[in-house]
Amino acid sequence: EVQLVESGGGLVQAGGSLRLSCVVSGFALDDESVGWFRQAAGREREGVSCTTSVGSTYYTDSVKGRFTISKDSAKNTAYLQMDSLKPEDTGVYYCAVPVMILNTRTTTTCDAVGTWGQGTLVTVSS
């Protein structure tokens, strides 16, 4: 059975940092793509950052230069390092496996096509 368990959310002041973890069980994360998504109150869930099994990465424009996605094969865990947090980063963050990075002539997006975790709440105060 595939399971994803997120942790690391919490309350932080603007400008602070958090590192989210997504522990994966049921398959080897090293062979899969993984992504982080978030949903703010009253808004649709959006792709924040994704990485593929061959190392391609995606970041939504609002987090470029502030967030970093990574994987630890030994721990079968994905991470999202979030620095310089802003109040607009507030939301429930989910990890998902696998994901697809989709490129069109005008946009690049990341979509989840498999299993979701339960989410972890990130609150950034101003």
Foldseek 3Di string as FASTA:
>chain_A
DWAWAKDWADEEAQQAKIKMKIQIPDDQLLQWKKFKWWDDPPGDIFTAKIAGNVGDMDGDPVQPPFWDWDADRVRSMIMIIGGRDDQVVWGWMKMAIHKDWDDDPPDIGIGHDGDIHPTDTHGYHD
